[in-house]
Amino acid sequence: MAWNEDSGTVSRAFDDWKWSDRENRAFLRLSDQWSTEAYQQTWQQAGKSLAERFDPDRHYGDEHVDMFHDAVDGLWPNDYAWITDASVIKNAVTAFEVYLEKALHEVLGSTLTIDGQQHTVRLAAPPKFESPGGRRWSRPTESSEPRSRSTT
């Protein structure tokens, strides 16, 4: 099968990864949109609260900054954006690792013919290896290891 993303001819693993990538992008876009609106509303509310009770003899005029800080528990917009970006990057890396593993599983067990001999694609894994996709790998036993090709 030839790889052609535009025509939809790709592996199932790639299709799953593309879906995850789309979700990550939507999450980032919507989080930015919603947090921007919420932060603006909170900032305006803090300013309005100060304006309603402002007394030039008692207030300096910038108390709304502290009110905003308290309302968002100290999580300012740039900090929120940084945490959101970091979580999206982490999720994207994990999704890509899972994609690679799924792609590997699509290939494992496939039979290749080289010089007239058939070979099965196998993978040796470290003991007790656990993947980000949740699969447990075990070392191949002697009987499951591929046979070496004779050179005669």
C-alpha atoms as a PDB file:
ATOM      1  CA  MET A   1       0.000   0.000   0.000  1.00  0.00           C
ATOM      2  CA  ALA A   2       1.434   3.379  -0.980  1.00  0.00           C
ATOM      3  CA  TRP A   3       1.344   6.201   1.555  1.00  0.00           C
ATOM      4  CA  ASN A   4      -0.964   8.990   0.439  1.00  0.00           C
ATOM      5  CA  GLU A   5      -2.363  11.086   3.276  1.00  0.00           C
ATOM      6  CA  ASP A   6      -4.425  13.280   0.930  1.00  0.00           C
ATOM      7  CA  SER A   7      -6.376  10.321  -0.446  1.00  0.00           C
ATOM      8  CA  GLY A   8      -6.773   8.742   2.989  1.00  0.00           C
ATOM      9  CA  THR A   9      -4.523   5.770   2.209  1.00  0.00           C
ATOM     10  CA  VAL A  10      -2.558   5.524   5.434  1.00  0.00           C
ATOM     11  CA  SER A  11      -2.161   3.111   8.317  1.00  0.00           C
ATOM     12  CA  ARG A  12      -4.735   2.746  11.077  1.00  0.00           C
ATOM     13  CA  ALA A  13      -2.090   3.871  13.563  1.00  0.00           C
ATOM     14  CA  PHE A  14      -1.567   7.086  11.598  1.00  0.00           C
ATOM     15  CA  ASP A  15      -5.313   7.725  11.431  1.00  0.00           C
ATOM     16  CA  ASP A  16      -5.533   7.350  15.214  1.00  0.00           C
ATOM     17  CA  TRP A  17      -2.613   9.718  15.695  1.00  0.00           C
ATOM     18  CA  LYS A  18      -4.132  12.323  13.357  1.00  0.00           C
ATOM     19  CA  TRP A  19      -7.341  12.187  15.390  1.00  0.00           C
ATOM     20  CA  SER A  20      -5.385  12.723  18.612  1.00  0.00           C
ATOM     21  CA  ASP A  21      -3.465  15.588  16.997  1.00  0.00           C
ATOM     22  CA  ARG A  22      -6.754  17.221  15.973  1.00  0.00           C
ATOM     23  CA  GLU A  23      -8.047  16.914  19.549  1.00  0.00           C
ATOM     24  CA  ASN A  24      -4.859  18.474  20.944  1.00  0.00           C
ATOM     25  CA  ARG A  25      -5.126  21.414  18.569  1.00  0.00           C
ATOM     26  CA  ALA A  26      -8.809  21.918  19.418  1.00  0.00           C
ATOM     27  CA  PHE A  27      -8.035  21.727  23.144  1.00  0.00           C
ATOM     28  CA  LEU A  28      -5.311  24.344  22.810  1.00  0.00           C
ATOM     29  CA  ARG A  29      -7.495  26.672  20.709  1.00  0.00           C
ATOM     30  CA  LEU A  30     -10.558  26.351  22.946  1.00  0.00           C
ATOM     31  CA  SER A  31      -8.558  26.656  26.166  1.00  0.00           C
ATOM     32  CA  ASP A  32      -7.009  29.863  24.872  1.00  0.00           C
ATOM     33  CA  GLN A  33     -10.392  31.230  23.805  1.00  0.00           C
ATOM     34  CA  TRP A  34     -12.175  30.341  27.043  1.00  0.00           C
ATOM     35  CA  SER A  35      -9.368  31.386  29.369  1.00  0.00           C
ATOM     36  CA  THR A  36      -8.963  34.722  27.573  1.00  0.00           C
ATOM     37  CA  GLU A  37     -12.680  35.437  28.031  1.00  0.00           C
ATOM     38  CA  ALA A  38     -12.640  34.329  31.675  1.00  0.00           C
ATOM     39  CA  TYR A  39      -9.533  36.352  32.521  1.00  0.00           C
ATOM     40  CA  GLN A  40     -10.955  39.466  30.835  1.00  0.00           C
ATOM     41  CA  GLN A  41     -14.224  39.057  32.717  1.00  0.00           C
ATOM     42  CA  THR A  42     -12.386  38.572  36.030  1.00  0.00           C
ATOM     43  CA  TRP A  43     -10.183  41.624  35.366  1.00  0.00           C
ATOM     44  CA  GLN A  44     -13.216  43.758  34.553  1.00  0.00           C
ATOM     45  CA  GLN A  45     -15.053  42.515  37.654  1.00  0.00           C
ATOM     46  CA  ALA A  46     -12.071  43.408  39.842  1.00  0.00           C
ATOM     47  CA  GLY A  47     -11.968  46.893  38.327  1.00  0.00           C
ATOM     48  CA  LYS A  48     -15.714  47.309  38.757  1.00  0.00           C
ATOM     49  CA  SER A  49     -15.558  46.188  42.404  1.00  0.00           C
ATOM     50  CA  LEU A  50     -12.857  48.720  43.149  1.00  0.00           C
ATOM     51  CA  ALA A  51     -14.698  51.489  41.288  1.00  0.00           C
ATOM     52  CA  GLU A  52     -17.863  50.846  43.314  1.00  0.00           C
ATOM     53  CA  ARG A  53     -16.088  51.397  46.617  1.00  0.00           C
ATOM     54  CA  PHE A  54     -13.163  53.594  45.622  1.00  0.00           C
ATOM     55  CA  ASP A  55     -12.253  56.190  48.217  1.00  0.00           C
ATOM     56  CA  PRO A  56      -9.349  58.446  47.186  1.00  0.00           C
ATOM     57  CA  ASP A  57      -8.423  58.920  50.831  1.00  0.00           C
ATOM     58  CA  ARG A  58      -8.052  55.142  51.415  1.00  0.00           C
ATOM     59  CA  HIS A  59      -7.185  53.653  48.034  1.00  0.00           C
ATOM     60  CA  TYR A  60      -4.258  54.130  45.686  1.00  0.00           C
ATOM     61  CA  GLY A  61      -6.178  53.062  42.595  1.00  0.00           C
ATOM     62  CA  ASP A  62      -4.400  49.816  41.793  1.00  0.00           C
ATOM     63  CA  GLU A  63      -6.074  47.572  44.364  1.00  0.00           C
ATOM     64  CA  HIS A  64      -7.960  45.854  41.559  1.00  0.00           C
ATOM     65  CA  VAL A  65      -4.686  44.116  40.677  1.00  0.00           C
ATOM     66  CA  ASP A  66      -4.655  42.420  44.086  1.00  0.00           C
ATOM     67  CA  MET A  67      -8.358  41.627  43.757  1.00  0.00           C
ATOM     68  CA  PHE A  68      -7.706  40.008  40.377  1.00  0.00           C
ATOM     69  CA  HIS A  69      -4.728  38.095  41.790  1.00  0.00           C
ATOM     70  CA  ASP A  70      -6.898  36.730  44.604  1.00  0.00           C
ATOM     71  CA  ALA A  71      -9.770  35.863  42.241  1.00  0.00           C
ATOM     72  CA  VAL A  72      -7.514  33.726  40.022  1.00  0.00           C
ATOM     73  CA  ASP A  73      -5.595  32.224  42.959  1.00  0.00           C
ATOM     74  CA  GLY A  74      -2.389  33.734  41.616  1.00  0.00           C
ATOM     75  CA  LEU A  75      -2.633  31.936  38.275  1.00  0.00           C
ATOM     76  CA  TRP A  76      -2.066  34.808  35.854  1.00  0.00           C
ATOM     77  CA  PRO A  77      -2.871  34.437  32.132  1.00  0.00           C
ATOM     78  CA  ASN A  78       0.754  33.881  31.083  1.00  0.00           C
ATOM     79  CA  ASP A  79       1.139  31.146  33.714  1.00  0.00           C
ATOM     80  CA  TYR A  80      -2.115  29.508  32.606  1.00  0.00           C
ATOM     81  CA  ALA A  81      -0.965  29.598  28.975  1.00  0.00           C
ATOM     82  CA  TRP A  82       2.401  28.078  29.908  1.00  0.00           C
ATOM     83  CA  ILE A  83       0.770  25.220  31.845  1.00  0.00           C
ATOM     84  CA  THR A  84      -1.710  24.606  29.021  1.00  0.00           C
ATOM     85  CA  ASP A  85       1.035  24.589  26.386  1.00  0.00           C
ATOM     86  CA  ALA A  86       3.160  22.227  28.484  1.00  0.00           C
ATOM     87  CA  SER A  87       0.253  19.802  28.924  1.00  0.00           C
ATOM     88  CA  VAL A  88      -0.505  19.840  25.204  1.00  0.00           C
ATOM     89  CA  ILE A  89       3.146  19.165  24.363  1.00  0.00           C
ATOM     90  CA  LYS A  90       3.253  16.295  26.858  1.00  0.00           C
ATOM     91  CA  ASN A  91       0.039  14.840  25.439  1.00  0.00           C
ATOM     92  CA  ALA A  92       1.315  15.243  21.870  1.00  0.00           C
ATOM     93  CA  VAL A  93       4.560  13.424  22.672  1.00  0.00           C
ATOM     94  CA  THR A  94       2.671  10.585  24.346  1.00  0.00           C
ATOM     95  CA  ALA A  95       0.247  10.361  21.414  1.00  0.00           C
ATOM     96  CA  PHE A  96       3.185  10.153  19.022  1.00  0.00           C
ATOM     97  CA  GLU A  97       4.827   7.422  21.106  1.00  0.00           C
ATOM     98  CA  VAL A  98       1.564   5.467  21.062  1.00  0.00           C
ATOM     99  CA  TYR A  99       1.335   6.018  17.285  1.00  0.00           C
ATOM    100  CA  LEU A 100       4.828   4.610  16.808  1.00  0.00           C
ATOM    101  CA  GLU A 101       3.975   1.602  18.923  1.00  0.00           C
ATOM    102  CA  LYS A 102       0.720   0.963  17.048  1.00  0.00           C
ATOM    103  CA  ALA A 103       2.556   1.306  13.741  1.00  0.00           C
ATOM    104  CA  LEU A 104       5.110  -1.190  14.961  1.00  0.00           C
ATOM    105  CA  HIS A 105       2.335  -3.626  15.877  1.00  0.00           C
ATOM    106  CA  GLU A 106       0.863  -3.236  12.406  1.00  0.00           C
ATOM    107  CA  VAL A 107       4.207  -4.366  11.009  1.00  0.00           C
ATOM    108  CA  LEU A 108       5.076  -7.021  13.602  1.00  0.00           C
ATOM    109  CA  GLY A 109       4.073 -10.432  12.459  1.00  0.00           C
ATOM    110  CA  SER A 110       4.246  -9.392   8.839  1.00  0.00           C
ATOM    111  CA  THR A 111       6.053 -11.776   6.591  1.00  0.00           C
ATOM    112  CA  LEU A 112       8.812 -10.507   4.335  1.00  0.00           C
ATOM    113  CA  THR A 113      10.340 -12.490   1.505  1.00  0.00           C
ATOM    114  CA  ILE A 114      14.034 -11.895   1.004  1.00  0.00           C
ATOM    115  CA  ASP A 115      16.004 -13.940  -1.511  1.00  0.00           C
ATOM    116  CA  GLY A 116      13.149 -16.408  -1.722  1.00  0.00           C
ATOM    117  CA  GLN A 117      12.990 -16.998   2.036  1.00  0.00           C
ATOM    118  CA  GLN A 118      10.154 -15.810   4.237  1.00  0.00           C
ATOM    119  CA  HIS A 119      10.962 -13.921   7.423  1.00  0.00           C
ATOM    120  CA  THR A 120       8.593 -12.750  10.133  1.00  0.00           C
ATOM    121  CA  VAL A 121       9.180  -9.314  11.644  1.00  0.00           C
ATOM    122  CA  ARG A 122       9.675  -9.677  15.409  1.00  0.00           C
ATOM    123  CA  LEU A 123      10.727  -7.377  18.223  1.00  0.00           C
ATOM    124  CA  ALA A 124      12.976  -8.062  21.176  1.00  0.00           C
ATOM    125  CA  ALA A 125      12.063  -5.956  24.204  1.00  0.00           C
ATOM    126  CA  PRO A 126      13.792  -5.354  27.535  1.00  0.00           C
ATOM    127  CA  PRO A 127      12.359  -7.337  30.462  1.00  0.00           C
ATOM    128  CA  LYS A 128       9.265  -5.818  32.105  1.00  0.00           C
ATOM    129  CA  PHE A 129       9.030  -3.013  29.537  1.00  0.00           C
ATOM    130  CA  GLU A 130       5.735  -1.149  29.641  1.00  0.00           C
ATOM    131  CA  SER A 131       4.781   1.146  26.811  1.00  0.00           C
ATOM    132  CA  PRO A 132       2.901   4.462  26.922  1.00  0.00           C
ATOM    133  CA  GLY A 133       0.121   2.684  25.042  1.00  0.00           C
ATOM    134  CA  GLY A 134      -0.423   0.416  28.009  1.00  0.00           C
ATOM    135  CA  ARG A 135       0.910  -2.752  26.408  1.00  0.00           C
ATOM    136  CA  ARG A 136       3.292  -4.994  28.253  1.00  0.00           C
ATOM    137  CA  TRP A 137       6.133  -6.455  26.293  1.00  0.00           C
ATOM    138  CA  SER A 138       7.995  -9.595  27.182  1.00  0.00           C
ATOM    139  CA  ARG A 139      11.261 -10.973  25.989  1.00  0.00           C
ATOM    140  CA  PRO A 140      10.856 -13.479  23.192  1.00  0.00           C
ATOM    141  CA  THR A 141      11.487 -17.086  24.129  1.00  0.00           C
ATOM    142  CA  GLU A 142      13.990 -19.159  22.220  1.00  0.00           C
ATOM    143  CA  SER A 143      11.231 -20.836  20.281  1.00  0.00           C
ATOM    144  CA  SER A 144       9.740 -17.493  19.249  1.00  0.00           C
ATOM    145  CA  GLU A 145      12.980 -15.863  18.142  1.00  0.00           C
ATOM    146  CA  PRO A 146      13.435 -15.621  14.392  1.00  0.00           C
ATOM    147  CA  ARG A 147      15.628 -18.208  12.841  1.00  0.00           C
ATOM    148  CA  SER A 148      18.802 -16.942  11.327  1.00  0.00           C
ATOM    149  CA  ARG A 149      19.184 -17.229   7.583  1.00  0.00           C
ATOM    150  CA  SER A 150      21.619 -19.719   6.319  1.00  0.00           C
ATOM    151  CA  THR A 151      24.273 -18.215   4.114  1.00  0.00           C
ATOM    152  CA  THR A 152      24.892 -21.343   2.109  1.00  0.00           C
END
